[in-house]
PDB file of N, CA and C in Angstrom:
ATOM      1  N   MET A   1       0.399 -14.728 -29.018  1.00  0.00           N
ATOM      2  CA  MET A   1      -0.283 -15.464 -27.969  1.00  0.00           C
ATOM      3  C   MET A   1      -0.328 -16.929 -28.368  1.00  0.00           C
ATOM      4  N   SER A   2      -0.047 -17.810 -27.423  1.00  0.00           N
ATOM      5  CA  SER A   2      -0.047 -19.241 -27.709  1.00  0.00           C
ATOM      6  C   SER A   2      -1.477 -19.766 -27.784  1.00  0.00           C
ATOM      7  N   ALA A   3      -1.627 -20.971 -28.327  1.00  0.00           N
ATOM      8  CA  ALA A   3      -2.943 -21.597 -28.420  1.00  0.00           C
ATOM      9  C   ALA A   3      -3.529 -21.837 -27.035  1.00  0.00           C
ATOM     10  N   VAL A   4      -2.684 -22.169 -26.070  1.00  0.00           N
ATOM     11  CA  VAL A   4      -3.160 -22.407 -24.701  1.00  0.00           C
ATOM     12  C   VAL A   4      -3.709 -21.117 -24.104  1.00  0.00           C
ATOM     13  N   GLN A   5      -2.980 -19.999 -24.275  1.00  0.00           N
ATOM     14  CA  GLN A   5      -3.457 -18.723 -23.757  1.00  0.00           C
ATOM     15  C   GLN A   5      -4.762 -18.333 -24.428  1.00  0.00           C
ATOM     16  N   SER A   6      -4.858 -18.541 -25.738  1.00  0.00           N
ATOM     17  CA  SER A   6      -6.065 -18.206 -26.471  1.00  0.00           C
ATOM     18  C   SER A   6      -7.251 -19.013 -25.964  1.00  0.00           C
ATOM     19  N   THR A   7      -7.062 -20.306 -25.752  1.00  0.00           N
ATOM     20  CA  THR A   7      -8.135 -21.159 -25.252  1.00  0.00           C
ATOM     21  C   THR A   7      -8.547 -20.733 -23.848  1.00  0.00           C
ATOM     22  N   ALA A   8      -7.590 -20.414 -23.001  1.00  0.00           N
ATOM     23  CA  ALA A   8      -7.893 -19.977 -21.639  1.00  0.00           C
ATOM     24  C   ALA A   8      -8.697 -18.686 -21.657  1.00  0.00           C
ATOM     25  N   ARG A   9      -8.340 -17.762 -22.523  1.00  0.00           N
ATOM     26  CA  ARG A   9      -9.076 -16.502 -22.631  1.00  0.00           C
ATOM     27  C   ARG A   9     -10.505 -16.753 -23.069  1.00  0.00           C
ATOM     28  N   GLU A  10     -10.696 -17.658 -24.036  1.00  0.00           N
ATOM     29  CA  GLU A  10     -12.030 -17.941 -24.541  1.00  0.00           C
ATOM     30  C   GLU A  10     -12.896 -18.611 -23.481  1.00  0.00           C
ATOM     31  N   ALA A  11     -12.288 -19.305 -22.528  1.00  0.00           N
ATOM     32  CA  ALA A  11     -13.035 -20.034 -21.506  1.00  0.00           C
ATOM     33  C   ALA A  11     -13.526 -19.128 -20.376  1.00  0.00           C
ATOM     34  N   LEU A  12     -13.088 -17.883 -20.351  1.00  0.00           N
ATOM     35  CA  LEU A  12     -13.500 -16.989 -19.277  1.00  0.00           C
ATOM     36  C   LEU A  12     -14.966 -16.593 -19.455  1.00  0.00           C
ATOM     37  N   THR A  13     -15.749 -16.883 -18.446  1.00  0.00           N
ATOM     38  CA  THR A  13     -17.161 -16.533 -18.453  1.00  0.00           C
ATOM     39  C   THR A  13     -17.381 -15.291 -17.602  1.00  0.00           C
ATOM     40  N   ARG A  14     -18.567 -14.732 -17.707  1.00  0.00           N
ATOM     41  CA  ARG A  14     -18.914 -13.587 -16.875  1.00  0.00           C
ATOM     42  C   ARG A  14     -18.732 -13.939 -15.400  1.00  0.00           C
ATOM     43  N   GLU A  15     -19.155 -15.129 -15.018  1.00  0.00           N
ATOM     44  CA  GLU A  15     -19.063 -15.540 -13.620  1.00  0.00           C
ATOM     45  C   GLU A  15     -17.607 -15.632 -13.157  1.00  0.00           C
ATOM     46  N   ALA A  16     -16.758 -16.227 -13.988  1.00  0.00           N
ATOM     47  CA  ALA A  16     -15.340 -16.363 -13.633  1.00  0.00           C
ATOM     48  C   ALA A  16     -14.671 -14.994 -13.529  1.00  0.00           C
ATOM     49  N   VAL A  17     -14.993 -14.119 -14.467  1.00  0.00           N
ATOM     50  CA  VAL A  17     -14.409 -12.775 -14.446  1.00  0.00           C
ATOM     51  C   VAL A  17     -14.918 -12.000 -13.233  1.00  0.00           C
ATOM     52  N   THR A  18     -16.207 -12.119 -12.932  1.00  0.00           N
ATOM     53  CA  THR A  18     -16.772 -11.434 -11.768  1.00  0.00           C
ATOM     54  C   THR A  18     -16.082 -11.889 -10.489  1.00  0.00           C
ATOM     55  N   GLU A  19     -15.853 -13.183 -10.356  1.00  0.00           N
ATOM     56  CA  GLU A  19     -15.180 -13.700  -9.159  1.00  0.00           C
ATOM     57  C   GLU A  19     -13.761 -13.162  -9.043  1.00  0.00           C
ATOM     58  N   ARG A  20     -13.044 -13.104 -10.172  1.00  0.00           N
ATOM     59  CA  ARG A  20     -11.678 -12.568 -10.136  1.00  0.00           C
ATOM     60  C   ARG A  20     -11.692 -11.075  -9.811  1.00  0.00           C
ATOM     61  N   LEU A  21     -12.655 -10.347 -10.374  1.00  0.00           N
ATOM     62  CA  LEU A  21     -12.776  -8.925 -10.057  1.00  0.00           C
ATOM     63  C   LEU A  21     -13.035  -8.724  -8.568  1.00  0.00           C
ATOM     64  N   LYS A  22     -13.875  -9.575  -7.991  1.00  0.00           N
ATOM     65  CA  LYS A  22     -14.146  -9.496  -6.552  1.00  0.00           C
ATOM     66  C   LYS A  22     -12.870  -9.735  -5.747  1.00  0.00           C
ATOM     67  N   GLN A  23     -12.068 -10.696  -6.182  1.00  0.00           N
ATOM     68  CA  GLN A  23     -10.806 -10.966  -5.483  1.00  0.00           C
ATOM     69  C   GLN A  23      -9.876  -9.760  -5.562  1.00  0.00           C
ATOM     70  N   LEU A  24      -9.714  -9.230  -6.778  1.00  0.00           N
ATOM     71  CA  LEU A  24      -8.830  -8.075  -6.965  1.00  0.00           C
ATOM     72  C   LEU A  24      -9.311  -6.872  -6.159  1.00  0.00           C
ATOM     73  N   LEU A  25     -10.602  -6.575  -6.273  1.00  0.00           N
ATOM     74  CA  LEU A  25     -11.148  -5.414  -5.581  1.00  0.00           C
ATOM     75  C   LEU A  25     -11.130  -5.619  -4.071  1.00  0.00           C
ATOM     76  N   GLY A  26     -11.415  -6.833  -3.633  1.00  0.00           N
ATOM     77  CA  GLY A  26     -11.358  -7.137  -2.202  1.00  0.00           C
ATOM     78  C   GLY A  26      -9.976  -6.881  -1.627  1.00  0.00           C
ATOM     79  N   GLU A  27      -8.944  -7.286  -2.375  1.00  0.00           N
ATOM     80  CA  GLU A  27      -7.568  -7.035  -1.934  1.00  0.00           C
ATOM     81  C   GLU A  27      -7.285  -5.539  -1.856  1.00  0.00           C
ATOM     82  N   LEU A  28      -7.727  -4.801  -2.869  1.00  0.00           N
ATOM     83  CA  LEU A  28      -7.467  -3.360  -2.910  1.00  0.00           C
ATOM     84  C   LEU A  28      -8.182  -2.610  -1.791  1.00  0.00           C
ATOM     85  N   LEU A  29      -9.413  -3.031  -1.503  1.00  0.00           N
ATOM     86  CA  LEU A  29     -10.229  -2.326  -0.515  1.00  0.00           C
ATOM     87  C   LEU A  29     -10.173  -2.957   0.871  1.00  0.00           C
ATOM     88  N   GLU A  30      -9.371  -4.033   0.980  1.00  0.00           N
ATOM     89  CA  GLU A  30      -9.260  -4.773   2.236  1.00  0.00           C
ATOM     90  C   GLU A  30     -10.638  -5.217   2.728  1.00  0.00           C
ATOM     91  N   MET A  31     -11.381  -5.842   1.797  1.00  0.00           N
ATOM     92  CA  MET A  31     -12.711  -6.379   2.079  1.00  0.00           C
ATOM     93  C   MET A  31     -12.738  -7.841   1.659  1.00  0.00           C
ATOM     94  N   GLU A  32     -13.671  -8.573   2.219  1.00  0.00           N
ATOM     95  CA  GLU A  32     -13.881  -9.944   1.778  1.00  0.00           C
ATOM     96  C   GLU A  32     -14.595  -9.908   0.428  1.00  0.00           C
ATOM     97  N   PRO A  33     -14.140 -10.691  -0.549  1.00  0.00           N
ATOM     98  CA  PRO A  33     -14.822 -10.718  -1.841  1.00  0.00           C
ATOM     99  C   PRO A  33     -16.319 -11.007  -1.717  1.00  0.00           C
ATOM    100  N   SER A  34     -16.701 -11.824  -0.755  1.00  0.00           N
ATOM    101  CA  SER A  34     -18.118 -12.162  -0.574  1.00  0.00           C
ATOM    102  C   SER A  34     -18.950 -10.961  -0.119  1.00  0.00           C
ATOM    103  N   ASP A  35     -18.298  -9.915   0.383  1.00  0.00           N
ATOM    104  CA  ASP A  35     -19.010  -8.706   0.808  1.00  0.00           C
ATOM    105  C   ASP A  35     -19.268  -7.742  -0.347  1.00  0.00           C
ATOM    106  N   LEU A  36     -18.739  -8.035  -1.514  1.00  0.00           N
ATOM    107  CA  LEU A  36     -18.894  -7.166  -2.679  1.00  0.00           C
ATOM    108  C   LEU A  36     -20.073  -7.650  -3.514  1.00  0.00           C
ATOM    109  N   ASP A  37     -21.091  -6.818  -3.624  1.00  0.00           N
ATOM    110  CA  ASP A  37     -22.298  -7.148  -4.379  1.00  0.00           C
ATOM    111  C   ASP A  37     -22.054  -6.896  -5.867  1.00  0.00           C
ATOM    112  N   ASP A  38     -22.382  -7.891  -6.683  1.00  0.00           N
ATOM    113  CA  ASP A  38     -22.164  -7.806  -8.133  1.00  0.00           C
ATOM    114  C   ASP A  38     -22.947  -6.677  -8.798  1.00  0.00           C
ATOM    115  N   GLU A  39     -24.069  -6.288  -8.203  1.00  0.00           N
ATOM    116  CA  GLU A  39     -24.980  -5.348  -8.858  1.00  0.00           C
ATOM    117  C   GLU A  39     -24.950  -3.941  -8.262  1.00  0.00           C
ATOM    118  N   VAL A  40     -23.972  -3.664  -7.435  1.00  0.00           N
ATOM    119  CA  VAL A  40     -23.829  -2.335  -6.832  1.00  0.00           C
ATOM    120  C   VAL A  40     -22.709  -1.599  -7.567  1.00  0.00           C
ATOM    121  N   PRO A  41     -22.934  -0.332  -7.940  1.00  0.00           N
ATOM    122  CA  PRO A  41     -21.860   0.416  -8.605  1.00  0.00           C
ATOM    123  C   PRO A  41     -20.592   0.430  -7.745  1.00  0.00           C
ATOM    124  N   LEU A  42     -19.458   0.340  -8.411  1.00  0.00           N
ATOM    125  CA  LEU A  42     -18.183   0.308  -7.694  1.00  0.00           C
ATOM    126  C   LEU A  42     -17.983   1.547  -6.825  1.00  0.00           C
ATOM    127  N   SER A  43     -18.567   2.663  -7.233  1.00  0.00           N
ATOM    128  CA  SER A  43     -18.431   3.889  -6.438  1.00  0.00           C
ATOM    129  C   SER A  43     -19.016   3.721  -5.039  1.00  0.00           C
ATOM    130  N   ALA A  44     -19.986   2.834  -4.875  1.00  0.00           N
ATOM    131  CA  ALA A  44     -20.588   2.596  -3.559  1.00  0.00           C
ATOM    132  C   ALA A  44     -19.595   1.961  -2.592  1.00  0.00           C
ATOM    133  N   PHE A  45     -18.549   1.338  -3.126  1.00  0.00           N
ATOM    134  CA  PHE A  45     -17.520   0.732  -2.283  1.00  0.00           C
ATOM    135  C   PHE A  45     -16.394   1.714  -1.980  1.00  0.00           C
ATOM    136  N   GLY A  46     -16.537   2.943  -2.459  1.00  0.00           N
ATOM    137  CA  GLY A  46     -15.525   3.956  -2.199  1.00  0.00           C
ATOM    138  C   GLY A  46     -14.367   3.913  -3.177  1.00  0.00           C
ATOM    139  N   ILE A  47     -14.565   3.266  -4.321  1.00  0.00           N
ATOM    140  CA  ILE A  47     -13.492   3.177  -5.311  1.00  0.00           C
ATOM    141  C   ILE A  47     -13.237   4.568  -5.894  1.00  0.00           C
ATOM    142  N   ASP A  48     -11.974   4.934  -6.006  1.00  0.00           N
ATOM    143  CA  ASP A  48     -11.592   6.216  -6.587  1.00  0.00           C
ATOM    144  C   ASP A  48     -10.769   5.964  -7.848  1.00  0.00           C
ATOM    145  N   SER A  49     -10.279   7.026  -8.463  1.00  0.00           N
ATOM    146  CA  SER A  49      -9.551   6.870  -9.725  1.00  0.00           C
ATOM    147  C   SER A  49      -8.268   6.063  -9.552  1.00  0.00           C
ATOM    148  N   MET A  50      -7.605   6.222  -8.420  1.00  0.00           N
ATOM    149  CA  MET A  50      -6.369   5.466  -8.173  1.00  0.00           C
ATOM    150  C   MET A  50      -6.680   3.974  -8.048  1.00  0.00           C
ATOM    151  N   THR A  51      -7.707   3.641  -7.268  1.00  0.00           N
ATOM    152  CA  THR A  51      -8.101   2.243  -7.107  1.00  0.00           C
ATOM    153  C   THR A  51      -8.552   1.668  -8.442  1.00  0.00           C
ATOM    154  N   SER A  52      -9.287   2.465  -9.218  1.00  0.00           N
ATOM    155  CA  SER A  52      -9.729   2.020 -10.542  1.00  0.00           C
ATOM    156  C   SER A  52      -8.540   1.701 -11.437  1.00  0.00           C
ATOM    157  N   SER A  53      -7.527   2.550 -11.400  1.00  0.00           N
ATOM    158  CA  SER A  53      -6.332   2.327 -12.221  1.00  0.00           C
ATOM    159  C   SER A  53      -5.618   1.041 -11.830  1.00  0.00           C
ATOM    160  N   VAL A  54      -5.526   0.789 -10.531  1.00  0.00           N
ATOM    161  CA  VAL A  54      -4.882  -0.440 -10.057  1.00  0.00           C
ATOM    162  C   VAL A  54      -5.715  -1.655 -10.459  1.00  0.00           C
ATOM    163  N   LEU A  55      -7.041  -1.534 -10.378  1.00  0.00           N
ATOM    164  CA  LEU A  55      -7.929  -2.627 -10.787  1.00  0.00           C
ATOM    165  C   LEU A  55      -7.775  -2.915 -12.279  1.00  0.00           C
ATOM    166  N   VAL A  56      -7.750  -1.872 -13.093  1.00  0.00           N
ATOM    167  CA  VAL A  56      -7.570  -2.036 -14.540  1.00  0.00           C
ATOM    168  C   VAL A  56      -6.244  -2.727 -14.829  1.00  0.00           C
ATOM    169  N   SER A  57      -5.197  -2.323 -14.141  1.00  0.00           N
ATOM    170  CA  SER A  57      -3.883  -2.946 -14.309  1.00  0.00           C
ATOM    171  C   SER A  57      -3.921  -4.416 -13.898  1.00  0.00           C
ATOM    172  N   GLY A  58      -4.600  -4.714 -12.798  1.00  0.00           N
ATOM    173  CA  GLY A  58      -4.721  -6.098 -12.338  1.00  0.00           C
ATOM    174  C   GLY A  58      -5.462  -6.975 -13.325  1.00  0.00           C
ATOM    175  N   VAL A  59      -6.510  -6.430 -13.931  1.00  0.00           N
ATOM    176  CA  VAL A  59      -7.272  -7.175 -14.942  1.00  0.00           C
ATOM    177  C   VAL A  59      -6.388  -7.455 -16.150  1.00  0.00           C
ATOM    178  N   GLU A  60      -5.642  -6.447 -16.576  1.00  0.00           N
ATOM    179  CA  GLU A  60      -4.769  -6.634 -17.735  1.00  0.00           C
ATOM    180  C   GLU A  60      -3.700  -7.691 -17.463  1.00  0.00           C
ATOM    181  N   LYS A  61      -3.106  -7.655 -16.281  1.00  0.00           N
ATOM    182  CA  LYS A  61      -2.095  -8.660 -15.930  1.00  0.00           C
ATOM    183  C   LYS A  61      -2.701 -10.054 -15.865  1.00  0.00           C
ATOM    184  N   TRP A  62      -3.936 -10.146 -15.377  1.00  0.00           N
ATOM    185  CA  TRP A  62      -4.592 -11.440 -15.198  1.00  0.00           C
ATOM    186  C   TRP A  62      -4.987 -12.086 -16.520  1.00  0.00           C
ATOM    187  N   CYS A  63      -5.638 -11.303 -17.402  1.00  0.00           N
ATOM    188  CA  CYS A  63      -6.179 -11.933 -18.611  1.00  0.00           C
ATOM    189  C   CYS A  63      -5.842 -11.210 -19.907  1.00  0.00           C
ATOM    190  N   GLY A  64      -5.181 -10.063 -19.815  1.00  0.00           N
ATOM    191  CA  GLY A  64      -4.786  -9.347 -21.018  1.00  0.00           C
ATOM    192  C   GLY A  64      -5.809  -8.350 -21.529  1.00  0.00           C
ATOM    193  N   ALA A  65      -6.981  -8.284 -20.907  1.00  0.00           N
ATOM    194  CA  ALA A  65      -8.005  -7.333 -21.351  1.00  0.00           C
ATOM    195  C   ALA A  65      -7.583  -5.919 -20.970  1.00  0.00           C
ATOM    196  N   GLN A  66      -7.664  -5.019 -21.936  1.00  0.00           N
ATOM    197  CA  GLN A  66      -7.287  -3.628 -21.702  1.00  0.00           C
ATOM    198  C   GLN A  66      -8.547  -2.777 -21.636  1.00  0.00           C
ATOM    199  N   LEU A  67      -9.022  -2.545 -20.420  1.00  0.00           N
ATOM    200  CA  LEU A  67     -10.199  -1.705 -20.233  1.00  0.00           C
ATOM    201  C   LEU A  67      -9.840  -0.278 -20.609  1.00  0.00           C
ATOM    202  N   GLU A  68     -10.746   0.400 -21.283  1.00  0.00           N
ATOM    203  CA  GLU A  68     -10.468   1.726 -21.833  1.00  0.00           C
ATOM    204  C   GLU A  68     -10.274   2.814 -20.784  1.00  0.00           C
ATOM    205  N   SER A  69     -11.248   3.000 -19.920  1.00  0.00           N
ATOM    206  CA  SER A  69     -11.183   4.152 -19.024  1.00  0.00           C
ATOM    207  C   SER A  69     -11.360   3.752 -17.572  1.00  0.00           C
ATOM    208  N   ALA A  70     -10.284   3.842 -16.826  1.00  0.00           N
ATOM    209  CA  ALA A  70     -10.352   3.519 -15.400  1.00  0.00           C
ATOM    210  C   ALA A  70     -11.272   4.496 -14.679  1.00  0.00           C
ATOM    211  N   GLY A  71     -11.310   5.730 -15.129  1.00  0.00           N
ATOM    212  CA  GLY A  71     -12.126   6.744 -14.475  1.00  0.00           C
ATOM    213  C   GLY A  71     -13.614   6.478 -14.543  1.00  0.00           C
ATOM    214  N   ALA A  72     -14.058   5.755 -15.562  1.00  0.00           N
ATOM    215  CA  ALA A  72     -15.483   5.477 -15.733  1.00  0.00           C
ATOM    216  C   ALA A  72     -15.945   4.246 -14.966  1.00  0.00           C
ATOM    217  N   LEU A  73     -15.027   3.508 -14.365  1.00  0.00           N
ATOM    218  CA  LEU A  73     -15.406   2.270 -13.687  1.00  0.00           C
ATOM    219  C   LEU A  73     -16.320   2.502 -12.498  1.00  0.00           C
ATOM    220  N   GLY A  74     -16.189   3.606 -11.815  1.00  0.00           N
ATOM    221  CA  GLY A  74     -16.966   3.851 -10.605  1.00  0.00           C
ATOM    222  C   GLY A  74     -18.461   3.783 -10.805  1.00  0.00           C
ATOM    223  N   SER A  75     -18.923   4.133 -12.001  1.00  0.00           N
ATOM    224  CA  SER A  75     -20.361   4.109 -12.264  1.00  0.00           C
ATOM    225  C   SER A  75     -20.861   2.725 -12.667  1.00  0.00           C
ATOM    226  N   LEU A  76     -19.947   1.789 -12.891  1.00  0.00           N
ATOM    227  CA  LEU A  76     -20.317   0.441 -13.328  1.00  0.00           C
ATOM    228  C   LEU A  76     -20.403  -0.522 -12.151  1.00  0.00           C
ATOM    229  N   THR A  77     -21.181  -1.585 -12.338  1.00  0.00           N
ATOM    230  CA  THR A  77     -21.228  -2.668 -11.357  1.00  0.00           C
ATOM    231  C   THR A  77     -20.154  -3.691 -11.712  1.00  0.00           C
ATOM    232  N   LEU A  78     -19.883  -4.610 -10.800  1.00  0.00           N
ATOM    233  CA  LEU A  78     -18.927  -5.688 -11.091  1.00  0.00           C
ATOM    234  C   LEU A  78     -19.386  -6.499 -12.297  1.00  0.00           C
ATOM    235  N   THR A  79     -20.687  -6.750 -12.390  1.00  0.00           N
ATOM    236  CA  THR A  79     -21.224  -7.509 -13.519  1.00  0.00           C
ATOM    237  C   THR A  79     -20.983  -6.770 -14.828  1.00  0.00           C
ATOM    238  N   GLU A  80     -21.170  -5.462 -14.834  1.00  0.00           N
ATOM    239  CA  GLU A  80     -20.956  -4.678 -16.053  1.00  0.00           C
ATOM    240  C   GLU A  80     -19.481  -4.659 -16.449  1.00  0.00           C
ATOM    241  N   VAL A  81     -18.603  -4.544 -15.480  1.00  0.00           N
ATOM    242  CA  VAL A  81     -17.167  -4.593 -15.775  1.00  0.00           C
ATOM    243  C   VAL A  81     -16.807  -5.977 -16.311  1.00  0.00           C
ATOM    244  N   ALA A  82     -17.355  -7.022 -15.705  1.00  0.00           N
ATOM    245  CA  ALA A  82     -17.095  -8.392 -16.172  1.00  0.00           C
ATOM    246  C   ALA A  82     -17.574  -8.568 -17.607  1.00  0.00           C
ATOM    247  N   ASP A  83     -18.748  -8.031 -17.928  1.00  0.00           N
ATOM    248  CA  ASP A  83     -19.257  -8.117 -19.303  1.00  0.00           C
ATOM    249  C   ASP A  83     -18.308  -7.427 -20.281  1.00  0.00           C
ATOM    250  N   GLU A  84     -17.767  -6.288 -19.862  1.00  0.00           N
ATOM    251  CA  GLU A  84     -16.824  -5.558 -20.715  1.00  0.00           C
ATOM    252  C   GLU A  84     -15.550  -6.377 -20.942  1.00  0.00           C
ATOM    253  N   VAL A  85     -15.049  -6.998 -19.886  1.00  0.00           N
ATOM    254  CA  VAL A  85     -13.845  -7.834 -20.003  1.00  0.00           C
ATOM    255  C   VAL A  85     -14.110  -9.008 -20.937  1.00  0.00           C
ATOM    256  N   VAL A  86     -15.229  -9.693 -20.746  1.00  0.00           N
ATOM    257  CA  VAL A  86     -15.566 -10.846 -21.595  1.00  0.00           C
ATOM    258  C   VAL A  86     -15.683 -10.403 -23.054  1.00  0.00           C
ATOM    259  N   ALA A  87     -16.305  -9.249 -23.295  1.00  0.00           N
ATOM    260  CA  ALA A  87     -16.438  -8.746 -24.666  1.00  0.00           C
ATOM    261  C   ALA A  87     -15.072  -8.452 -25.283  1.00  0.00           C
ATOM    262  N   LEU A  88     -14.157  -7.914 -24.491  1.00  0.00           N
ATOM    263  CA  LEU A  88     -12.814  -7.627 -24.998  1.00  0.00           C
ATOM    264  C   LEU A  88     -12.048  -8.899 -25.337  1.00  0.00           C
ATOM    265  N   LEU A  89     -12.349  -9.976 -24.640  1.00  0.00           N
ATOM    266  CA  LEU A  89     -11.627 -11.234 -24.851  1.00  0.00           C
ATOM    267  C   LEU A  89     -12.266 -12.114 -25.913  1.00  0.00           C
ATOM    268  N   ARG A  90     -13.473 -11.763 -26.331  1.00  0.00           N
ATOM    269  CA  ARG A  90     -14.164 -12.553 -27.343  1.00  0.00           C
ATOM    270  C   ARG A  90     -13.363 -12.497 -28.643  1.00  0.00           C
ATOM    271  N   PRO A  91     -13.132 -13.656 -29.260  1.00  0.00           N
ATOM    272  CA  PRO A  91     -12.366 -13.659 -30.510  1.00  0.00           C
ATOM    273  C   PRO A  91     -13.103 -12.885 -31.603  1.00  0.00           C
ATOM    274  N   LEU A  92     -12.344 -12.166 -32.384  1.00  0.00           N
ATOM    275  CA  LEU A  92     -12.919 -11.452 -33.516  1.00  0.00           C
ATOM    276  C   LEU A  92     -13.223 -12.444 -34.633  1.00  0.00           C
ATOM    277  N   PRO A  93     -14.315 -12.208 -35.375  1.00  0.00           N
ATOM    278  CA  PRO A  93     -14.611 -13.117 -36.490  1.00  0.00           C
ATOM    279  C   PRO A  93     -13.509 -13.031 -37.543  1.00  0.00           C
ATOM    280  N   GLU A  94     -13.233 -14.164 -38.146  1.00  0.00           N
ATOM    281  CA  GLU A  94     -12.208 -14.189 -39.191  1.00  0.00           C
ATOM    282  C   GLU A  94     -12.753 -13.549 -40.454  1.00  0.00           C
ATOM    283  N   ARG A  95     -11.892 -12.800 -41.121  1.00  0.00           N
ATOM    284  CA  ARG A  95     -12.278 -12.155 -42.387  1.00  0.00           C
ATOM    285  C   ARG A  95     -11.703 -12.955 -43.538  1.00  0.00           C
ATOM    286  N   ASN A  96     -12.482 -13.044 -44.581  1.00  0.00           N
ATOM    287  CA  ASN A  96     -12.016 -13.768 -45.787  1.00  0.00           C
ATOM    288  C   ASN A  96     -11.362 -12.834 -46.751  1.00  0.00           C
TER     289      ASN A  96
END
């Protein structure tokens, strides 16, 4: 990964990730991103395992974060998924 990519990954905030998740999910569900509530479980929007898999793939293509289980996303809110993405992108501490 280049220094530019690394810096861009580090600059991603919960808010930025949440907005991108809303865009991705809005496209998948044919909804306006503004209609997606950050604090409502994704299952309330009718997300299924197939949609979850496509969302996970979209996140990975966008920022490189590899979410573990697409099947578990339905019980999470957009904010919780964003927190998981940000945690995955957080640089690991250097070891001496």
